[in-house]
C-alpha atoms as a PDB file:
ATOM      1  CA  MET A   1     -21.256 -15.734 -32.344  1.00  0.00           C
ATOM      2  CA  ASN A   2     -18.946 -15.389 -29.336  1.00  0.00           C
ATOM      3  CA  SER A   3     -20.440 -15.648 -25.898  1.00  0.00           C
ATOM      4  CA  PRO A   4     -19.957 -12.579 -23.683  1.00  0.00           C
ATOM      5  CA  ILE A   5     -17.140 -12.642 -21.159  1.00  0.00           C
ATOM      6  CA  LEU A   6     -18.444 -12.378 -17.629  1.00  0.00           C
ATOM      7  CA  THR A   7     -16.504 -10.058 -15.348  1.00  0.00           C
ATOM      8  CA  ARG A   8     -17.123  -8.715 -11.898  1.00  0.00           C
ATOM      9  CA  GLU A   9     -18.390  -5.165 -11.726  1.00  0.00           C
ATOM     10  CA  LEU A  10     -15.602  -2.655 -11.168  1.00  0.00           C
ATOM     11  CA  ILE A  11     -15.695  -0.121  -8.380  1.00  0.00           C
ATOM     12  CA  PRO A  12     -17.077   3.119  -9.822  1.00  0.00           C
ATOM     13  CA  ALA A  13     -14.515   5.882 -10.323  1.00  0.00           C
ATOM     14  CA  THR A  14     -14.928   8.584  -7.676  1.00  0.00           C
ATOM     15  CA  ASP A  15     -12.552  10.755  -5.712  1.00  0.00           C
ATOM     16  CA  THR A  16     -12.683   8.444  -2.693  1.00  0.00           C
ATOM     17  CA  LEU A  17     -13.350   4.814  -1.852  1.00  0.00           C
ATOM     18  CA  GLU A  18     -14.932   3.255   1.213  1.00  0.00           C
ATOM     19  CA  LEU A  19     -12.914   0.112   1.912  1.00  0.00           C
ATOM     20  CA  LEU A  20     -13.031  -2.587   4.540  1.00  0.00           C
ATOM     21  CA  VAL A  21     -10.071  -3.124   6.853  1.00  0.00           C
ATOM     22  CA  HIS A  22      -9.602  -6.847   6.248  1.00  0.00           C
ATOM     23  CA  GLN A  23      -6.383  -7.403   8.179  1.00  0.00           C
ATOM     24  CA  ILE A  24      -3.979  -5.567  10.454  1.00  0.00           C
ATOM     25  CA  ARG A  25      -0.604  -7.199  10.925  1.00  0.00           C
ATOM     26  CA  TYR A  26       2.324  -6.471  13.215  1.00  0.00           C
ATOM     27  CA  GLU A  27       5.392  -5.974  11.006  1.00  0.00           C
ATOM     28  CA  ALA A  28       8.054  -4.613  13.373  1.00  0.00           C
ATOM     29  CA  PRO A  29       8.163  -2.589  16.615  1.00  0.00           C
ATOM     30  CA  GLY A  30       5.776   0.336  16.129  1.00  0.00           C
ATOM     31  CA  ILE A  31       4.841  -0.724  12.579  1.00  0.00           C
ATOM     32  CA  ASN A  32       1.536  -2.269  11.522  1.00  0.00           C
ATOM     33  CA  SER A  33       0.424  -3.059   8.002  1.00  0.00           C
ATOM     34  CA  TYR A  34      -3.194  -2.538   6.983  1.00  0.00           C
ATOM     35  CA  GLN A  35      -4.913  -4.561   4.270  1.00  0.00           C
ATOM     36  CA  LEU A  36      -7.959  -2.946   2.659  1.00  0.00           C
ATOM     37  CA  VAL A  37     -10.509  -4.668   0.423  1.00  0.00           C
ATOM     38  CA  ASP A  38     -13.748  -3.680  -1.250  1.00  0.00           C
ATOM     39  CA  PRO A  39     -16.703  -4.681   0.989  1.00  0.00           C
ATOM     40  CA  LEU A  40     -18.478  -6.166  -2.061  1.00  0.00           C
ATOM     41  CA  ALA A  41     -15.339  -7.976  -3.312  1.00  0.00           C
ATOM     42  CA  ARG A  42     -15.134  -5.831  -6.462  1.00  0.00           C
ATOM     43  CA  PRO A  43     -11.719  -5.289  -8.064  1.00  0.00           C
ATOM     44  CA  LEU A  44      -9.983  -2.164  -6.832  1.00  0.00           C
ATOM     45  CA  PRO A  45      -8.798   0.566  -9.198  1.00  0.00           C
ATOM     46  CA  GLU A  46      -5.485  -0.157 -10.897  1.00  0.00           C
ATOM     47  CA  VAL A  47      -2.288   1.126  -9.327  1.00  0.00           C
ATOM     48  CA  THR A  48       1.297   1.420 -10.467  1.00  0.00           C
ATOM     49  CA  PRO A  49       4.464   0.753  -8.441  1.00  0.00           C
ATOM     50  CA  GLY A  50       5.091   3.706  -6.139  1.00  0.00           C
ATOM     51  CA  SER A  51       1.385   4.634  -5.774  1.00  0.00           C
ATOM     52  CA  HIS A  52       0.036   6.094  -2.559  1.00  0.00           C
ATOM     53  CA  ILE A  53      -3.356   6.743  -1.012  1.00  0.00           C
ATOM     54  CA  ASP A  54      -4.837   9.461   1.156  1.00  0.00           C
ATOM     55  CA  VAL A  55      -6.251   7.916   4.325  1.00  0.00           C
ATOM     56  CA  HIS A  56      -9.076   9.970   5.839  1.00  0.00           C
ATOM     57  CA  LEU A  57      -8.889   9.801   9.623  1.00  0.00           C
ATOM     58  CA  PRO A  58     -11.298  11.047  12.287  1.00  0.00           C
ATOM     59  CA  GLY A  59     -11.769  14.806  12.099  1.00  0.00           C
ATOM     60  CA  PRO A  60     -10.170  16.746   9.258  1.00  0.00           C
ATOM     61  CA  MET A  61      -6.980  14.635   9.317  1.00  0.00           C
ATOM     62  CA  VAL A  62      -5.773  13.111   6.011  1.00  0.00           C
ATOM     63  CA  ARG A  63      -2.443  11.300   5.723  1.00  0.00           C
ATOM     64  CA  GLN A  64      -0.666   9.772   2.715  1.00  0.00           C
ATOM     65  CA  TYR A  65       0.681   6.220   2.763  1.00  0.00           C
ATOM     66  CA  SER A  66       2.485   4.277   0.042  1.00  0.00           C
ATOM     67  CA  LEU A  67       1.028   1.008  -1.180  1.00  0.00           C
ATOM     68  CA  SER A  68       3.416  -1.910  -0.717  1.00  0.00           C
ATOM     69  CA  ASN A  69       1.625  -4.898  -2.214  1.00  0.00           C
ATOM     70  CA  ASP A  70       1.950  -6.268  -5.737  1.00  0.00           C
ATOM     71  CA  PRO A  71       0.401  -3.604  -7.999  1.00  0.00           C
ATOM     72  CA  THR A  72      -1.257  -6.298 -10.137  1.00  0.00           C
ATOM     73  CA  ASP A  73      -3.283  -7.549  -7.140  1.00  0.00           C
ATOM     74  CA  ARG A  74      -6.593  -5.731  -7.569  1.00  0.00           C
ATOM     75  CA  ARG A  75      -8.199  -7.512  -4.596  1.00  0.00           C
ATOM     76  CA  ARG A  76      -6.426  -5.490  -1.932  1.00  0.00           C
ATOM     77  CA  TYR A  77      -4.341  -2.483  -1.027  1.00  0.00           C
ATOM     78  CA  VAL A  78      -1.678  -2.818   1.674  1.00  0.00           C
ATOM     79  CA  PHE A  79       0.092   0.038   3.431  1.00  0.00           C
ATOM     80  CA  ALA A  80       2.242   0.186   6.564  1.00  0.00           C
ATOM     81  CA  VAL A  81       2.325   2.831   9.278  1.00  0.00           C
ATOM     82  CA  LEU A  82       5.108   3.606  11.727  1.00  0.00           C
ATOM     83  CA  LYS A  83       3.615   5.024  14.924  1.00  0.00           C
ATOM     84  CA  ASP A  84       5.453   8.304  15.465  1.00  0.00           C
ATOM     85  CA  GLU A  85       4.985   9.560  19.023  1.00  0.00           C
ATOM     86  CA  ALA A  86       6.557  12.923  18.108  1.00  0.00           C
ATOM     87  CA  GLY A  87       4.574  13.379  14.877  1.00  0.00           C
ATOM     88  CA  GLY A  88       1.457  15.339  14.038  1.00  0.00           C
ATOM     89  CA  GLY A  89      -0.933  12.657  15.251  1.00  0.00           C
ATOM     90  CA  GLY A  90      -1.784  10.871  11.995  1.00  0.00           C
ATOM     91  CA  SER A  91       0.170   7.701  12.648  1.00  0.00           C
ATOM     92  CA  LYS A  92      -1.106   7.533  16.237  1.00  0.00           C
ATOM     93  CA  ALA A  93      -4.669   7.960  14.965  1.00  0.00           C
ATOM     94  CA  VAL A  94      -4.240   5.066  12.512  1.00  0.00           C
ATOM     95  CA  HIS A  95      -2.795   2.794  15.203  1.00  0.00           C
ATOM     96  CA  GLN A  96      -5.451   3.744  17.769  1.00  0.00           C
ATOM     97  CA  THR A  97      -8.637   4.096  15.717  1.00  0.00           C
ATOM     98  CA  VAL A  98      -8.392   1.761  12.713  1.00  0.00           C
ATOM     99  CA  HIS A  99      -9.551  -1.796  13.464  1.00  0.00           C
ATOM    100  CA  VAL A 100     -10.303  -4.967  11.527  1.00  0.00           C
ATOM    101  CA  GLN A 101     -13.827  -4.821  10.032  1.00  0.00           C
ATOM    102  CA  ASP A 102     -13.884  -1.011  10.099  1.00  0.00           C
ATOM    103  CA  THR A 103     -14.726   0.792   6.887  1.00  0.00           C
ATOM    104  CA  ILE A 104     -12.382   3.650   6.104  1.00  0.00           C
ATOM    105  CA  ARG A 105     -12.341   6.280   3.395  1.00  0.00           C
ATOM    106  CA  ILE A 106      -9.309   6.641   1.153  1.00  0.00           C
ATOM    107  CA  GLY A 107      -8.500   8.753  -1.864  1.00  0.00           C
ATOM    108  CA  ILE A 108      -8.178   7.110  -5.259  1.00  0.00           C
ATOM    109  CA  PRO A 109      -4.545   5.950  -5.541  1.00  0.00           C
ATOM    110  CA  ARG A 110      -2.166   8.257  -7.357  1.00  0.00           C
ATOM    111  CA  ASN A 111       1.522   8.118  -8.146  1.00  0.00           C
ATOM    112  CA  ASN A 112       4.123  10.868  -7.780  1.00  0.00           C
ATOM    113  CA  PHE A 113       6.949   8.308  -7.523  1.00  0.00           C
ATOM    114  CA  GLY A 114       6.609   6.272 -10.690  1.00  0.00           C
ATOM    115  CA  LEU A 115       8.957   3.488 -11.734  1.00  0.00           C
ATOM    116  CA  ASP A 116      10.864   3.949 -14.997  1.00  0.00           C
ATOM    117  CA  GLU A 117      10.674   0.494 -16.562  1.00  0.00           C
ATOM    118  CA  THR A 118      13.277   1.217 -19.260  1.00  0.00           C
ATOM    119  CA  ALA A 119      16.469   1.031 -17.182  1.00  0.00           C
ATOM    120  CA  PHE A 120      19.109  -1.633 -17.773  1.00  0.00           C
ATOM    121  CA  LYS A 121      19.706  -2.113 -14.026  1.00  0.00           C
ATOM    122  CA  TYR A 122      17.956  -0.900 -10.884  1.00  0.00           C
ATOM    123  CA  ILE A 123      19.544  -0.164  -7.512  1.00  0.00           C
ATOM    124  CA  LEU A 124      16.856   0.476  -4.918  1.00  0.00           C
ATOM    125  CA  LEU A 125      17.772   2.041  -1.552  1.00  0.00           C
ATOM    126  CA  ALA A 126      15.370   2.095   1.389  1.00  0.00           C
ATOM    127  CA  GLY A 127      15.551   2.974   5.056  1.00  0.00           C
ATOM    128  CA  GLY A 128      13.018   1.967   7.699  1.00  0.00           C
ATOM    129  CA  ILE A 129       9.375   2.564   6.779  1.00  0.00           C
ATOM    130  CA  GLY A 130      10.584   4.031   3.464  1.00  0.00           C
ATOM    131  CA  ILE A 131      10.633   0.463   2.155  1.00  0.00           C
ATOM    132  CA  THR A 132       6.879   0.503   1.434  1.00  0.00           C
ATOM    133  CA  PRO A 133       6.806   1.970  -2.100  1.00  0.00           C
ATOM    134  CA  LEU A 134       9.957   0.040  -3.017  1.00  0.00           C
ATOM    135  CA  LYS A 135       8.314  -3.258  -2.066  1.00  0.00           C
ATOM    136  CA  ALA A 136       5.679  -2.605  -4.738  1.00  0.00           C
ATOM    137  CA  MET A 137       8.447  -1.732  -7.189  1.00  0.00           C
ATOM    138  CA  CYS A 138      10.238  -5.000  -6.392  1.00  0.00           C
ATOM    139  CA  HIS A 139       7.058  -6.946  -7.212  1.00  0.00           C
ATOM    140  CA  ARG A 140       6.914  -5.242 -10.612  1.00  0.00           C
ATOM    141  CA  LEU A 141      10.623  -5.596 -11.352  1.00  0.00           C
ATOM    142  CA  ALA A 142      10.511  -9.299 -10.481  1.00  0.00           C
ATOM    143  CA  ALA A 143       7.532  -9.748 -12.822  1.00  0.00           C
ATOM    144  CA  LEU A 144       9.554  -8.041 -15.576  1.00  0.00           C
ATOM    145  CA  ASN A 145      12.537 -10.287 -14.782  1.00  0.00           C
ATOM    146  CA  ALA A 146      14.490  -7.035 -14.457  1.00  0.00           C
ATOM    147  CA  ASN A 147      18.046  -6.738 -13.188  1.00  0.00           C
ATOM    148  CA  PHE A 148      17.644  -5.152  -9.748  1.00  0.00           C
ATOM    149  CA  VAL A 149      19.034  -5.130  -6.245  1.00  0.00           C
ATOM    150  CA  LEU A 150      17.406  -3.762  -3.094  1.00  0.00           C
ATOM    151  CA  HIS A 151      19.462  -2.378  -0.201  1.00  0.00           C
ATOM    152  CA  TYR A 152      17.360  -2.034   2.946  1.00  0.00           C
ATOM    153  CA  CYS A 153      18.596  -0.452   6.178  1.00  0.00           C
ATOM    154  CA  SER A 154      16.954  -0.222   9.583  1.00  0.00           C
ATOM    155  CA  LYS A 155      18.159   0.926  12.987  1.00  0.00           C
ATOM    156  CA  ALA A 156      18.251  -2.712  14.164  1.00  0.00           C
ATOM    157  CA  PRO A 157      17.232  -6.048  12.596  1.00  0.00           C
ATOM    158  CA  GLU A 158      13.978  -6.198  14.557  1.00  0.00           C
ATOM    159  CA  TYR A 159      12.857  -2.900  12.966  1.00  0.00           C
ATOM    160  CA  ALA A 160      13.018  -4.243   9.421  1.00  0.00           C
ATOM    161  CA  LEU A 161       9.662  -5.164   7.926  1.00  0.00           C
ATOM    162  CA  SER A 162       9.816  -8.918   8.226  1.00  0.00           C
ATOM    163  CA  ARG A 163       7.287 -10.122   5.688  1.00  0.00           C
ATOM    164  CA  THR A 164       6.361  -9.504   2.093  1.00  0.00           C
ATOM    165  CA  ASN A 165       2.843  -8.410   1.186  1.00  0.00           C
END
């Protein structure tokens, strides 16, 4: 008789998750990345490269942000936000109201920008904050040992996201 395999309880499937802001990191001028974890250290729902989440902000505001971390890492979700002074207020709200140790509500991750894993070669093009979903794709392509190149442009070197997550 085989002994049962012990696994940690998975987060129940619902429309939203309440996650803990574990880390906020400066990435470039006006850009912070936000690392979310389950408060009870349960594995997060699976994601695929290119996935995004709905972040529920104070009031009726909901904004979508692409996940940038390795999609196989079920311990955390990472997204980055460029503070847009001329925008509709969502990015300013994230920068001003989301703090380490806060609990925030997000929608279950979904993907409208999936990666086709059948290509012979990949050429990825990103500009500025648009790098976030492509970073997750690069993690996956590297794991597949795929033939890919990433071209990343920013308005100046200091505006390029400087770290990998």
